[in-house]
Amino acid sequence: MSTNAQFQAIHAIIAEANRIILGKDSQIRLALACLLARGHLLIEDIPGIGKTTLAHTLAQLLGLNFSRIQFTSDMLPADIIGISIFERDRGDFRFLPGALFTQVLLADEINRATPKTQSALLEAMEERQVTVEGQTRPLPEPFFVIATQNPSSQIGTFPLPESQLDRFLMRIEIGYPDRNAERVLLESGGRRDRSKKIETDFTPERLKHIQQSISGIRVSPPLLDYLQNLIDLTRHRANFMYGLSPRAALGLLSVARAWAFIAGREMVLPEDIQAVFPSIAGHRLRLSGSGEYARFDDIDALIRRVPVV
């Protein structure tokens, strides 16, 4: 598959997603860039904004198997991973895989589950495998977690620990639709049903080829200097509790490559890093004193402090 054909296939996905998720082109591109970079995605916003619809739409358009789990406070890890049952006629245990064994897992309202249940995803998200009763079981390839999260101020939520948040390559917000997009929604009665009728010829193999192409997008030494300067500032700026980790830096570079690919370029530019940096850093940086996560204004100010090399 040629680079031009890959580019056209991705933009066909973006165009179709825009027909379902109205007025949110930037959020669609960020979410797609995360998946192209082999990362897990956290979508945080109030209920009813379209978080679930976006996740389901992307999975359908990419031709990936899809499972959805509605997280609740009484959910147990076995509800996600699966259980072993004893079969009397065989005289042995048989493992029944849970919803985790899929290519795209939608963890809906993940912060309504207890920390114990949330932790069931840690190994899966990092290693693409799970260990059950001492036996390691690989997950399908590719494997993505797209989680939705309600604001922590809402009743019945449990904050995600830093170790869990760090497994998500990116966090995005969808936000309210603009007036024109909302008018179309009101007149059409919503767009969720359209996501269930998606037909696509995209396959996991095509996705793998595109991911391989993205990893070959050029990054110049000055661009790496710029990226490192951004990372260094998060570590030494006084009003952050701690800075971005090397894993976050690697993720930033991967997503910047994906963003450059979506823009039709074969080389990463500083504006690619600037475009995706808030979604990489926002759920990893805490403000000293208050302990709150960095706001967009904090991250934007940080970007403006680092000169382009």
C-alpha atoms as a PDB file:
ATOM      1  CA  MET A   1       0.000   0.000   0.000  1.00  0.00           C
ATOM      2  CA  SER A   2       1.595   3.283  -1.126  1.00  0.00           C
ATOM      3  CA  THR A   3       2.049   6.233   1.202  1.00  0.00           C
ATOM      4  CA  ASN A   4      -0.435   8.249  -0.824  1.00  0.00           C
ATOM      5  CA  ALA A   5      -3.027   5.468  -0.574  1.00  0.00           C
ATOM      6  CA  GLN A   6      -2.450   5.266   3.180  1.00  0.00           C
ATOM      7  CA  PHE A   7      -2.919   9.009   3.500  1.00  0.00           C
ATOM      8  CA  GLN A   8      -6.166   8.874   1.505  1.00  0.00           C
ATOM      9  CA  ALA A   9      -7.470   5.971   3.611  1.00  0.00           C
ATOM     10  CA  ILE A  10      -6.863   7.862   6.857  1.00  0.00           C
ATOM     11  CA  HIS A  11      -8.527  11.001   5.540  1.00  0.00           C
ATOM     12  CA  ALA A  12     -11.532   8.974   4.414  1.00  0.00           C
ATOM     13  CA  ILE A  13     -11.824   7.786   8.031  1.00  0.00           C
ATOM     14  CA  ILE A  14     -11.586  11.373   9.306  1.00  0.00           C
ATOM     15  CA  ALA A  15     -14.226  12.549   6.816  1.00  0.00           C
ATOM     16  CA  GLU A  16     -16.667   9.796   7.805  1.00  0.00           C
ATOM     17  CA  ALA A  17     -16.078  10.391  11.514  1.00  0.00           C
ATOM     18  CA  ASN A  18     -16.845  14.092  10.973  1.00  0.00           C
ATOM     19  CA  ARG A  19     -20.203  13.144   9.504  1.00  0.00           C
ATOM     20  CA  ILE A  20     -21.067  11.387  12.769  1.00  0.00           C
ATOM     21  CA  ILE A  21     -19.275  13.525  15.379  1.00  0.00           C
ATOM     22  CA  LEU A  22     -20.221  17.006  14.200  1.00  0.00           C
ATOM     23  CA  GLY A  23     -17.947  19.999  14.626  1.00  0.00           C
ATOM     24  CA  LYS A  24     -15.129  18.107  16.385  1.00  0.00           C
ATOM     25  CA  ASP A  25     -12.497  17.677  13.675  1.00  0.00           C
ATOM     26  CA  SER A  26      -9.574  18.469  15.992  1.00  0.00           C
ATOM     27  CA  GLN A  27     -10.695  15.957  18.631  1.00  0.00           C
ATOM     28  CA  ILE A  28     -11.194  13.279  15.963  1.00  0.00           C
ATOM     29  CA  ARG A  29      -7.691  13.848  14.595  1.00  0.00           C
ATOM     30  CA  LEU A  30      -6.145  13.767  18.071  1.00  0.00           C
ATOM     31  CA  ALA A  31      -7.952  10.524  18.920  1.00  0.00           C
ATOM     32  CA  LEU A  32      -6.922   8.942  15.624  1.00  0.00           C
ATOM     33  CA  ALA A  33      -3.311  10.094  16.058  1.00  0.00           C
ATOM     34  CA  CYS A  34      -3.264   8.372  19.452  1.00  0.00           C
ATOM     35  CA  LEU A  35      -4.386   5.061  17.942  1.00  0.00           C
ATOM     36  CA  LEU A  36      -1.987   5.363  15.009  1.00  0.00           C
ATOM     37  CA  ALA A  37       0.792   5.840  17.582  1.00  0.00           C
ATOM     38  CA  ARG A  38      -0.273   2.569  19.272  1.00  0.00           C
ATOM     39  CA  GLY A  39      -1.472   4.409  22.374  1.00  0.00           C
ATOM     40  CA  HIS A  40      -4.435   4.167  24.717  1.00  0.00           C
ATOM     41  CA  LEU A  41      -6.865   7.071  24.855  1.00  0.00           C
ATOM     42  CA  LEU A  42      -8.720   8.712  27.758  1.00  0.00           C
ATOM     43  CA  ILE A  43     -11.712  10.898  26.897  1.00  0.00           C
ATOM     44  CA  GLU A  44     -12.860  13.070  29.787  1.00  0.00           C
ATOM     45  CA  ASP A  45     -16.026  15.149  29.729  1.00  0.00           C
ATOM     46  CA  ILE A  46     -19.523  15.422  31.132  1.00  0.00           C
ATOM     47  CA  PRO A  47     -22.126  12.775  30.195  1.00  0.00           C
ATOM     48  CA  GLY A  48     -23.986  13.191  26.917  1.00  0.00           C
ATOM     49  CA  ILE A  49     -21.204  14.912  24.950  1.00  0.00           C
ATOM     50  CA  GLY A  50     -20.451  12.002  22.582  1.00  0.00           C
ATOM     51  CA  LYS A  51     -17.512  10.215  24.229  1.00  0.00           C
ATOM     52  CA  THR A  52     -18.879   6.715  23.639  1.00  0.00           C
ATOM     53  CA  THR A  53     -19.967   7.532  20.096  1.00  0.00           C
ATOM     54  CA  LEU A  54     -16.468   8.751  19.200  1.00  0.00           C
ATOM     55  CA  ALA A  55     -14.839   5.587  20.560  1.00  0.00           C
ATOM     56  CA  HIS A  56     -17.286   3.284  18.790  1.00  0.00           C
ATOM     57  CA  THR A  57     -17.003   5.227  15.520  1.00  0.00           C
ATOM     58  CA  LEU A  58     -13.205   5.013  15.389  1.00  0.00           C
ATOM     59  CA  ALA A  59     -13.206   1.290  16.169  1.00  0.00           C
ATOM     60  CA  GLN A  60     -15.767   0.627  13.437  1.00  0.00           C
ATOM     61  CA  LEU A  61     -13.973   2.744  10.838  1.00  0.00           C
ATOM     62  CA  LEU A  62     -10.641   1.037  11.555  1.00  0.00           C
ATOM     63  CA  GLY A  63     -12.230  -2.399  11.135  1.00  0.00           C
ATOM     64  CA  LEU A  64     -11.370  -3.502  14.668  1.00  0.00           C
ATOM     65  CA  ASN A  65     -13.232  -5.841  17.012  1.00  0.00           C
ATOM     66  CA  PHE A  66     -14.953  -3.839  19.723  1.00  0.00           C
ATOM     67  CA  SER A  67     -16.127  -4.575  23.264  1.00  0.00           C
ATOM     68  CA  ARG A  68     -17.703  -2.200  25.728  1.00  0.00           C
ATOM     69  CA  ILE A  69     -17.711  -2.455  29.512  1.00  0.00           C
ATOM     70  CA  GLN A  70     -19.860  -0.151  31.612  1.00  0.00           C
ATOM     71  CA  PHE A  71     -17.763   0.401  34.725  1.00  0.00           C
ATOM     72  CA  THR A  72     -19.652   0.468  38.030  1.00  0.00           C
ATOM     73  CA  SER A  73     -18.702   0.574  41.698  1.00  0.00           C
ATOM     74  CA  ASP A  74     -19.590  -3.118  42.237  1.00  0.00           C
ATOM     75  CA  MET A  75     -17.563  -4.442  39.291  1.00  0.00           C
ATOM     76  CA  LEU A  76     -14.791  -6.957  39.990  1.00  0.00           C
ATOM     77  CA  PRO A  77     -11.516  -7.541  38.077  1.00  0.00           C
ATOM     78  CA  ALA A  78     -12.815 -10.931  36.899  1.00  0.00           C
ATOM     79  CA  ASP A  79     -15.668  -9.150  35.123  1.00  0.00           C
ATOM     80  CA  ILE A  80     -13.036  -7.590  32.845  1.00  0.00           C
ATOM     81  CA  ILE A  81     -10.340 -10.249  32.561  1.00  0.00           C
ATOM     82  CA  GLY A  82     -12.404 -13.436  32.734  1.00  0.00           C
ATOM     83  CA  ILE A  83     -12.615 -16.468  35.000  1.00  0.00           C
ATOM     84  CA  SER A  84     -11.664 -20.135  35.095  1.00  0.00           C
ATOM     85  CA  ILE A  85     -14.477 -22.620  35.640  1.00  0.00           C
ATOM     86  CA  PHE A  86     -14.207 -26.287  36.521  1.00  0.00           C
ATOM     87  CA  GLU A  87     -15.723 -28.627  33.951  1.00  0.00           C
ATOM     88  CA  ARG A  88     -16.653 -31.859  35.658  1.00  0.00           C
ATOM     89  CA  ASP A  89     -16.777 -33.961  32.511  1.00  0.00           C
ATOM     90  CA  ARG A  90     -13.233 -32.931  31.578  1.00  0.00           C
ATOM     91  CA  GLY A  91     -11.951 -32.921  35.129  1.00  0.00           C
ATOM     92  CA  ASP A  92     -10.135 -29.669  34.450  1.00  0.00           C
ATOM     93  CA  PHE A  93     -10.494 -25.891  34.519  1.00  0.00           C
ATOM     94  CA  ARG A  94     -11.389 -23.912  31.397  1.00  0.00           C
ATOM     95  CA  PHE A  95     -10.691 -20.217  31.065  1.00  0.00           C
ATOM     96  CA  LEU A  96     -13.579 -18.042  29.902  1.00  0.00           C
ATOM     97  CA  PRO A  97     -12.075 -14.801  28.550  1.00  0.00           C
ATOM     98  CA  GLY A  98     -13.674 -11.529  29.556  1.00  0.00           C
ATOM     99  CA  ALA A  99     -14.412  -8.451  27.466  1.00  0.00           C
ATOM    100  CA  LEU A 100     -10.731  -7.478  27.696  1.00  0.00           C
ATOM    101  CA  PHE A 101      -9.884  -9.964  24.938  1.00  0.00           C
ATOM    102  CA  THR A 102     -10.698  -7.719  22.022  1.00  0.00           C
ATOM    103  CA  GLN A 103      -8.900  -5.245  19.761  1.00  0.00           C
ATOM    104  CA  VAL A 104     -10.641  -2.133  21.091  1.00  0.00           C
ATOM    105  CA  LEU A 105     -11.947  -2.109  24.648  1.00  0.00           C
ATOM    106  CA  LEU A 106     -14.228   0.784  25.535  1.00  0.00           C
ATOM    107  CA  ALA A 107     -13.955   1.251  29.290  1.00  0.00           C
ATOM    108  CA  ASP A 108     -17.017   3.429  29.720  1.00  0.00           C
ATOM    109  CA  GLU A 109     -16.993   5.730  32.758  1.00  0.00           C
ATOM    110  CA  ILE A 110     -13.826   4.057  34.047  1.00  0.00           C
ATOM    111  CA  ASN A 111     -13.656   6.259  37.143  1.00  0.00           C
ATOM    112  CA  ARG A 112     -16.932   4.873  38.470  1.00  0.00           C
ATOM    113  CA  ALA A 113     -15.131   1.609  39.304  1.00  0.00           C
ATOM    114  CA  THR A 114     -13.058   1.104  42.428  1.00  0.00           C
ATOM    115  CA  PRO A 115      -9.241   1.342  42.280  1.00  0.00           C
ATOM    116  CA  LYS A 116      -9.028  -2.452  42.630  1.00  0.00           C
ATOM    117  CA  THR A 117     -11.039  -2.939  39.452  1.00  0.00           C
ATOM    118  CA  GLN A 118      -9.210  -0.143  37.623  1.00  0.00           C
ATOM    119  CA  SER A 119      -5.908  -1.884  38.392  1.00  0.00           C
ATOM    120  CA  ALA A 120      -7.029  -4.932  36.400  1.00  0.00           C
ATOM    121  CA  LEU A 121      -6.157  -2.962  33.264  1.00  0.00           C
ATOM    122  CA  LEU A 122      -2.589  -2.053  34.235  1.00  0.00           C
ATOM    123  CA  GLU A 123      -0.799  -5.131  32.888  1.00  0.00           C
ATOM    124  CA  ALA A 124      -3.011  -5.291  29.809  1.00  0.00           C
ATOM    125  CA  MET A 125      -2.332  -1.682  28.834  1.00  0.00           C
ATOM    126  CA  GLU A 126       1.418  -1.897  29.382  1.00  0.00           C
ATOM    127  CA  GLU A 127       2.288  -5.431  28.264  1.00  0.00           C
ATOM    128  CA  ARG A 128      -0.652  -6.305  25.971  1.00  0.00           C
ATOM    129  CA  GLN A 129      -1.157  -9.433  28.058  1.00  0.00           C
ATOM    130  CA  VAL A 130      -2.821 -10.565  31.279  1.00  0.00           C
ATOM    131  CA  THR A 131      -1.718 -13.045  33.923  1.00  0.00           C
ATOM    132  CA  VAL A 132      -4.510 -15.192  35.329  1.00  0.00           C
ATOM    133  CA  GLU A 133      -3.801 -17.834  37.975  1.00  0.00           C
ATOM    134  CA  GLY A 134      -0.120 -17.816  37.083  1.00  0.00           C
ATOM    135  CA  GLN A 135      -0.648 -18.226  33.348  1.00  0.00           C
ATOM    136  CA  THR A 136       0.142 -15.404  30.925  1.00  0.00           C
ATOM    137  CA  ARG A 137      -2.367 -14.898  28.129  1.00  0.00           C
ATOM    138  CA  PRO A 138      -1.612 -12.588  25.193  1.00  0.00           C
ATOM    139  CA  LEU A 139      -4.234 -10.104  24.055  1.00  0.00           C
ATOM    140  CA  PRO A 140      -5.288  -9.627  20.426  1.00  0.00           C
ATOM    141  CA  GLU A 141      -3.130  -7.516  18.133  1.00  0.00           C
ATOM    142  CA  PRO A 142      -3.664  -4.616  17.897  1.00  0.00           C
ATOM    143  CA  PHE A 143      -5.028  -3.835  21.351  1.00  0.00           C
ATOM    144  CA  PHE A 144      -6.317  -0.438  22.415  1.00  0.00           C
ATOM    145  CA  VAL A 145      -8.143   0.825  25.470  1.00  0.00           C
ATOM    146  CA  ILE A 146     -10.382   3.830  24.917  1.00  0.00           C
ATOM    147  CA  ALA A 147     -11.704   4.929  28.288  1.00  0.00           C
ATOM    148  CA  THR A 148     -14.269   7.587  29.049  1.00  0.00           C
ATOM    149  CA  GLN A 149     -14.196   9.464  32.323  1.00  0.00           C
ATOM    150  CA  ASN A 150     -16.643  11.803  33.985  1.00  0.00           C
ATOM    151  CA  PRO A 151     -15.268  14.893  35.756  1.00  0.00           C
ATOM    152  CA  SER A 152     -14.018  14.000  39.240  1.00  0.00           C
ATOM    153  CA  SER A 153     -16.369  16.589  40.736  1.00  0.00           C
ATOM    154  CA  GLN A 154     -19.355  14.400  39.861  1.00  0.00           C
ATOM    155  CA  ILE A 155     -20.889  12.087  42.441  1.00  0.00           C
ATOM    156  CA  GLY A 156     -19.807   8.432  42.492  1.00  0.00           C
ATOM    157  CA  THR A 157     -16.373   8.739  40.907  1.00  0.00           C
ATOM    158  CA  PHE A 158     -12.997   7.385  42.040  1.00  0.00           C
ATOM    159  CA  PRO A 159      -9.880   9.271  40.893  1.00  0.00           C
ATOM    160  CA  LEU A 160      -7.547   7.333  38.622  1.00  0.00           C
ATOM    161  CA  PRO A 161      -4.103   6.865  40.238  1.00  0.00           C
ATOM    162  CA  GLU A 162      -1.043   8.249  38.461  1.00  0.00           C
ATOM    163  CA  SER A 163       0.088   4.758  37.453  1.00  0.00           C
ATOM    164  CA  GLN A 164      -3.216   4.247  35.644  1.00  0.00           C
ATOM    165  CA  LEU A 165      -3.268   7.697  34.068  1.00  0.00           C
ATOM    166  CA  ASP A 166       0.263   7.248  32.752  1.00  0.00           C
ATOM    167  CA  ARG A 167      -0.861   4.172  30.787  1.00  0.00           C
ATOM    168  CA  PHE A 168      -3.028   6.476  28.677  1.00  0.00           C
ATOM    169  CA  LEU A 169      -0.901   8.044  25.994  1.00  0.00           C
ATOM    170  CA  MET A 170      -3.357  10.930  25.537  1.00  0.00           C
ATOM    171  CA  ARG A 171      -6.304  12.561  27.266  1.00  0.00           C
ATOM    172  CA  ILE A 172      -8.744  14.698  25.318  1.00  0.00           C
ATOM    173  CA  GLU A 173     -11.958  16.574  25.986  1.00  0.00           C
ATOM    174  CA  ILE A 174     -14.759  16.839  23.454  1.00  0.00           C
ATOM    175  CA  GLY A 175     -16.648  19.879  24.699  1.00  0.00           C
ATOM    176  CA  TYR A 176     -20.062  21.221  23.767  1.00  0.00           C
ATOM    177  CA  PRO A 177     -20.922  21.387  20.060  1.00  0.00           C
ATOM    178  CA  ASP A 178     -21.092  24.784  18.425  1.00  0.00           C
ATOM    179  CA  ARG A 179     -24.514  26.219  17.650  1.00  0.00           C
ATOM    180  CA  ASN A 180     -24.612  25.058  14.012  1.00  0.00           C
ATOM    181  CA  ALA A 181     -23.528  21.497  14.834  1.00  0.00           C
ATOM    182  CA  GLU A 182     -26.049  21.278  17.656  1.00  0.00           C
ATOM    183  CA  ARG A 183     -28.802  22.516  15.331  1.00  0.00           C
ATOM    184  CA  VAL A 184     -28.038  19.673  12.916  1.00  0.00           C
ATOM    185  CA  LEU A 185     -28.175  17.216  15.808  1.00  0.00           C
ATOM    186  CA  LEU A 186     -31.530  18.573  16.937  1.00  0.00           C
ATOM    187  CA  GLU A 187     -32.981  18.389  13.450  1.00  0.00           C
ATOM    188  CA  SER A 188     -31.678  14.874  12.765  1.00  0.00           C
ATOM    189  CA  GLY A 189     -32.394  13.398  16.185  1.00  0.00           C
ATOM    190  CA  GLY A 190     -28.744  12.508  16.880  1.00  0.00           C
ATOM    191  CA  ARG A 191     -26.018  10.624  15.036  1.00  0.00           C
ATOM    192  CA  ARG A 192     -25.292   7.604  17.261  1.00  0.00           C
ATOM    193  CA  ASP A 193     -27.310   5.217  15.071  1.00  0.00           C
ATOM    194  CA  ARG A 194     -25.104   6.125  12.087  1.00  0.00           C
ATOM    195  CA  SER A 195     -22.033   4.751  13.879  1.00  0.00           C
ATOM    196  CA  LYS A 196     -23.742   1.345  14.113  1.00  0.00           C
ATOM    197  CA  LYS A 197     -24.247   1.218  10.340  1.00  0.00           C
ATOM    198  CA  ILE A 198     -20.666   1.934   9.326  1.00  0.00           C
ATOM    199  CA  GLU A 199     -19.259  -0.217   6.554  1.00  0.00           C
ATOM    200  CA  THR A 200     -15.514  -0.186   6.002  1.00  0.00           C
ATOM    201  CA  ASP A 201     -12.903  -2.116   4.055  1.00  0.00           C
ATOM    202  CA  PHE A 202     -10.202  -1.068   6.501  1.00  0.00           C
ATOM    203  CA  THR A 203      -8.458  -3.998   8.226  1.00  0.00           C
ATOM    204  CA  PRO A 204      -6.056  -4.479  11.155  1.00  0.00           C
ATOM    205  CA  GLU A 205      -3.362  -5.386   8.605  1.00  0.00           C
ATOM    206  CA  ARG A 206      -3.749  -1.996   6.874  1.00  0.00           C
ATOM    207  CA  LEU A 207      -3.552  -0.306  10.254  1.00  0.00           C
ATOM    208  CA  LYS A 208      -0.323  -2.166  11.033  1.00  0.00           C
ATOM    209  CA  HIS A 209       1.220  -1.072   7.707  1.00  0.00           C
ATOM    210  CA  ILE A 210       0.313   2.555   8.378  1.00  0.00           C
ATOM    211  CA  GLN A 211       1.784   2.379  11.883  1.00  0.00           C
ATOM    212  CA  GLN A 212       5.014   1.034  10.405  1.00  0.00           C
ATOM    213  CA  SER A 213       5.085   3.893   7.888  1.00  0.00           C
ATOM    214  CA  ILE A 214       4.546   6.441  10.656  1.00  0.00           C
ATOM    215  CA  SER A 215       7.496   5.113  12.645  1.00  0.00           C
ATOM    216  CA  GLY A 216       9.680   5.981   9.648  1.00  0.00           C
ATOM    217  CA  ILE A 217       8.711   9.671   9.518  1.00  0.00           C
ATOM    218  CA  ARG A 218      11.878  11.726   9.847  1.00  0.00           C
ATOM    219  CA  VAL A 219      12.795  13.625  12.999  1.00  0.00           C
ATOM    220  CA  SER A 220      15.735  16.040  12.778  1.00  0.00           C
ATOM    221  CA  PRO A 221      18.254  16.549  15.613  1.00  0.00           C
ATOM    222  CA  PRO A 222      17.060  20.161  16.172  1.00  0.00           C
ATOM    223  CA  LEU A 223      13.512  18.864  16.514  1.00  0.00           C
ATOM    224  CA  LEU A 224      14.663  16.406  19.176  1.00  0.00           C
ATOM    225  CA  ASP A 225      16.411  19.314  20.928  1.00  0.00           C
ATOM    226  CA  TYR A 226      13.109  21.215  20.954  1.00  0.00           C
ATOM    227  CA  LEU A 227      11.216  18.208  22.328  1.00  0.00           C
ATOM    228  CA  GLN A 228      13.805  17.672  25.060  1.00  0.00           C
ATOM    229  CA  ASN A 229      13.697  21.339  26.005  1.00  0.00           C
ATOM    230  CA  LEU A 230       9.941  21.060  26.521  1.00  0.00           C
ATOM    231  CA  ILE A 231      10.330  17.928  28.626  1.00  0.00           C
ATOM    232  CA  ASP A 232      13.158  19.464  30.666  1.00  0.00           C
ATOM    233  CA  LEU A 233      11.077  22.534  31.482  1.00  0.00           C
ATOM    234  CA  THR A 234       8.309  20.379  32.969  1.00  0.00           C
ATOM    235  CA  ARG A 235      10.888  18.771  35.257  1.00  0.00           C
ATOM    236  CA  HIS A 236      12.506  21.979  36.466  1.00  0.00           C
ATOM    237  CA  ARG A 237       9.587  24.400  36.546  1.00  0.00           C
ATOM    238  CA  ALA A 238       8.793  25.206  40.170  1.00  0.00           C
ATOM    239  CA  ASN A 239       5.002  24.985  39.999  1.00  0.00           C
ATOM    240  CA  PHE A 240       4.806  21.345  38.838  1.00  0.00           C
ATOM    241  CA  MET A 241       5.026  18.584  41.431  1.00  0.00           C
ATOM    242  CA  TYR A 242       7.024  16.430  39.023  1.00  0.00           C
ATOM    243  CA  GLY A 243       7.837  16.505  35.328  1.00  0.00           C
ATOM    244  CA  LEU A 244       7.163  14.274  32.355  1.00  0.00           C
ATOM    245  CA  SER A 245       8.765  10.833  32.303  1.00  0.00           C
ATOM    246  CA  PRO A 246      10.879   9.311  29.511  1.00  0.00           C
ATOM    247  CA  ARG A 247       7.823   7.208  28.601  1.00  0.00           C
ATOM    248  CA  ALA A 248       5.837  10.401  28.109  1.00  0.00           C
ATOM    249  CA  ALA A 249       8.643  11.825  25.950  1.00  0.00           C
ATOM    250  CA  LEU A 250       8.625   8.722  23.741  1.00  0.00           C
ATOM    251  CA  GLY A 251       4.853   8.940  23.479  1.00  0.00           C
ATOM    252  CA  LEU A 252       5.033  12.601  22.524  1.00  0.00           C
ATOM    253  CA  LEU A 253       7.417  11.792  19.685  1.00  0.00           C
ATOM    254  CA  SER A 254       5.221   8.924  18.445  1.00  0.00           C
ATOM    255  CA  VAL A 255       2.069  11.039  18.399  1.00  0.00           C
ATOM    256  CA  ALA A 256       3.896  13.955  16.737  1.00  0.00           C
ATOM    257  CA  ARG A 257       4.905  11.542  13.968  1.00  0.00           C
ATOM    258  CA  ALA A 258       1.280  10.433  13.594  1.00  0.00           C
ATOM    259  CA  TRP A 259       0.111  14.064  13.521  1.00  0.00           C
ATOM    260  CA  ALA A 260       2.649  14.845  10.777  1.00  0.00           C
ATOM    261  CA  PHE A 261       1.412  11.837   8.795  1.00  0.00           C
ATOM    262  CA  ILE A 262      -2.200  12.992   9.056  1.00  0.00           C
ATOM    263  CA  ALA A 263      -1.057  16.408   7.765  1.00  0.00           C
ATOM    264  CA  GLY A 264       0.572  14.694   4.770  1.00  0.00           C
ATOM    265  CA  ARG A 265       4.175  15.375   5.718  1.00  0.00           C
ATOM    266  CA  GLU A 266       7.187  13.052   5.870  1.00  0.00           C
ATOM    267  CA  MET A 267       8.974  15.049   8.560  1.00  0.00           C
ATOM    268  CA  VAL A 268       7.953  16.214  12.038  1.00  0.00           C
ATOM    269  CA  LEU A 269       7.783  19.979  12.565  1.00  0.00           C
ATOM    270  CA  PRO A 270       7.649  21.929  15.856  1.00  0.00           C
ATOM    271  CA  GLU A 271       3.968  22.684  15.295  1.00  0.00           C
ATOM    272  CA  ASP A 272       3.243  18.946  15.319  1.00  0.00           C
ATOM    273  CA  ILE A 273       4.680  18.693  18.823  1.00  0.00           C
ATOM    274  CA  GLN A 274       2.819  21.832  19.908  1.00  0.00           C
ATOM    275  CA  ALA A 275      -0.489  20.467  18.579  1.00  0.00           C
ATOM    276  CA  VAL A 276      -0.376  17.211  20.551  1.00  0.00           C
ATOM    277  CA  PHE A 277       1.611  18.290  23.625  1.00  0.00           C
ATOM    278  CA  PRO A 278      -1.394  19.426  25.736  1.00  0.00           C
ATOM    279  CA  SER A 279      -3.083  16.029  25.291  1.00  0.00           C
ATOM    280  CA  ILE A 280       0.112  14.257  26.348  1.00  0.00           C
ATOM    281  CA  ALA A 281       0.968  16.485  29.305  1.00  0.00           C
ATOM    282  CA  GLY A 282      -2.397  17.550  30.742  1.00  0.00           C
ATOM    283  CA  HIS A 283      -3.093  14.354  32.716  1.00  0.00           C
ATOM    284  CA  ARG A 284       0.521  13.899  33.834  1.00  0.00           C
ATOM    285  CA  LEU A 285       1.420  17.297  35.287  1.00  0.00           C
ATOM    286  CA  ARG A 286       0.145  18.329  38.720  1.00  0.00           C
ATOM    287  CA  LEU A 287       0.417  21.861  40.043  1.00  0.00           C
ATOM    288  CA  SER A 288       2.464  22.264  43.212  1.00  0.00           C
ATOM    289  CA  GLY A 289       0.435  23.315  46.208  1.00  0.00           C
ATOM    290  CA  SER A 290      -3.083  22.560  44.956  1.00  0.00           C
ATOM    291  CA  GLY A 291      -2.263  19.139  43.503  1.00  0.00           C
ATOM    292  CA  GLU A 292      -4.649  19.834  40.630  1.00  0.00           C
ATOM    293  CA  TYR A 293      -3.810  18.761  37.123  1.00  0.00           C
ATOM    294  CA  ALA A 294      -2.400  21.395  34.816  1.00  0.00           C
ATOM    295  CA  ARG A 295      -4.925  23.454  32.876  1.00  0.00           C
ATOM    296  CA  PHE A 296      -4.653  24.327  29.209  1.00  0.00           C
ATOM    297  CA  ASP A 297      -3.423  27.827  30.096  1.00  0.00           C
ATOM    298  CA  ASP A 298      -0.583  26.350  32.180  1.00  0.00           C
ATOM    299  CA  ILE A 299       0.559  24.109  29.336  1.00  0.00           C
ATOM    300  CA  ASP A 300       0.156  26.832  26.727  1.00  0.00           C
ATOM    301  CA  ALA A 301       2.334  29.128  28.832  1.00  0.00           C
ATOM    302  CA  LEU A 302       4.939  26.388  29.081  1.00  0.00           C
ATOM    303  CA  ILE A 303       4.993  25.931  25.291  1.00  0.00           C
ATOM    304  CA  ARG A 304       5.448  29.664  24.778  1.00  0.00           C
ATOM    305  CA  ARG A 305       8.467  29.683  27.104  1.00  0.00           C
ATOM    306  CA  VAL A 306      10.421  27.226  24.936  1.00  0.00           C
ATOM    307  CA  PRO A 307      11.894  28.798  21.805  1.00  0.00           C
ATOM    308  CA  VAL A 308      11.751  26.824  18.569  1.00  0.00           C
ATOM    309  CA  VAL A 309      15.284  25.633  17.829  1.00  0.00           C
END
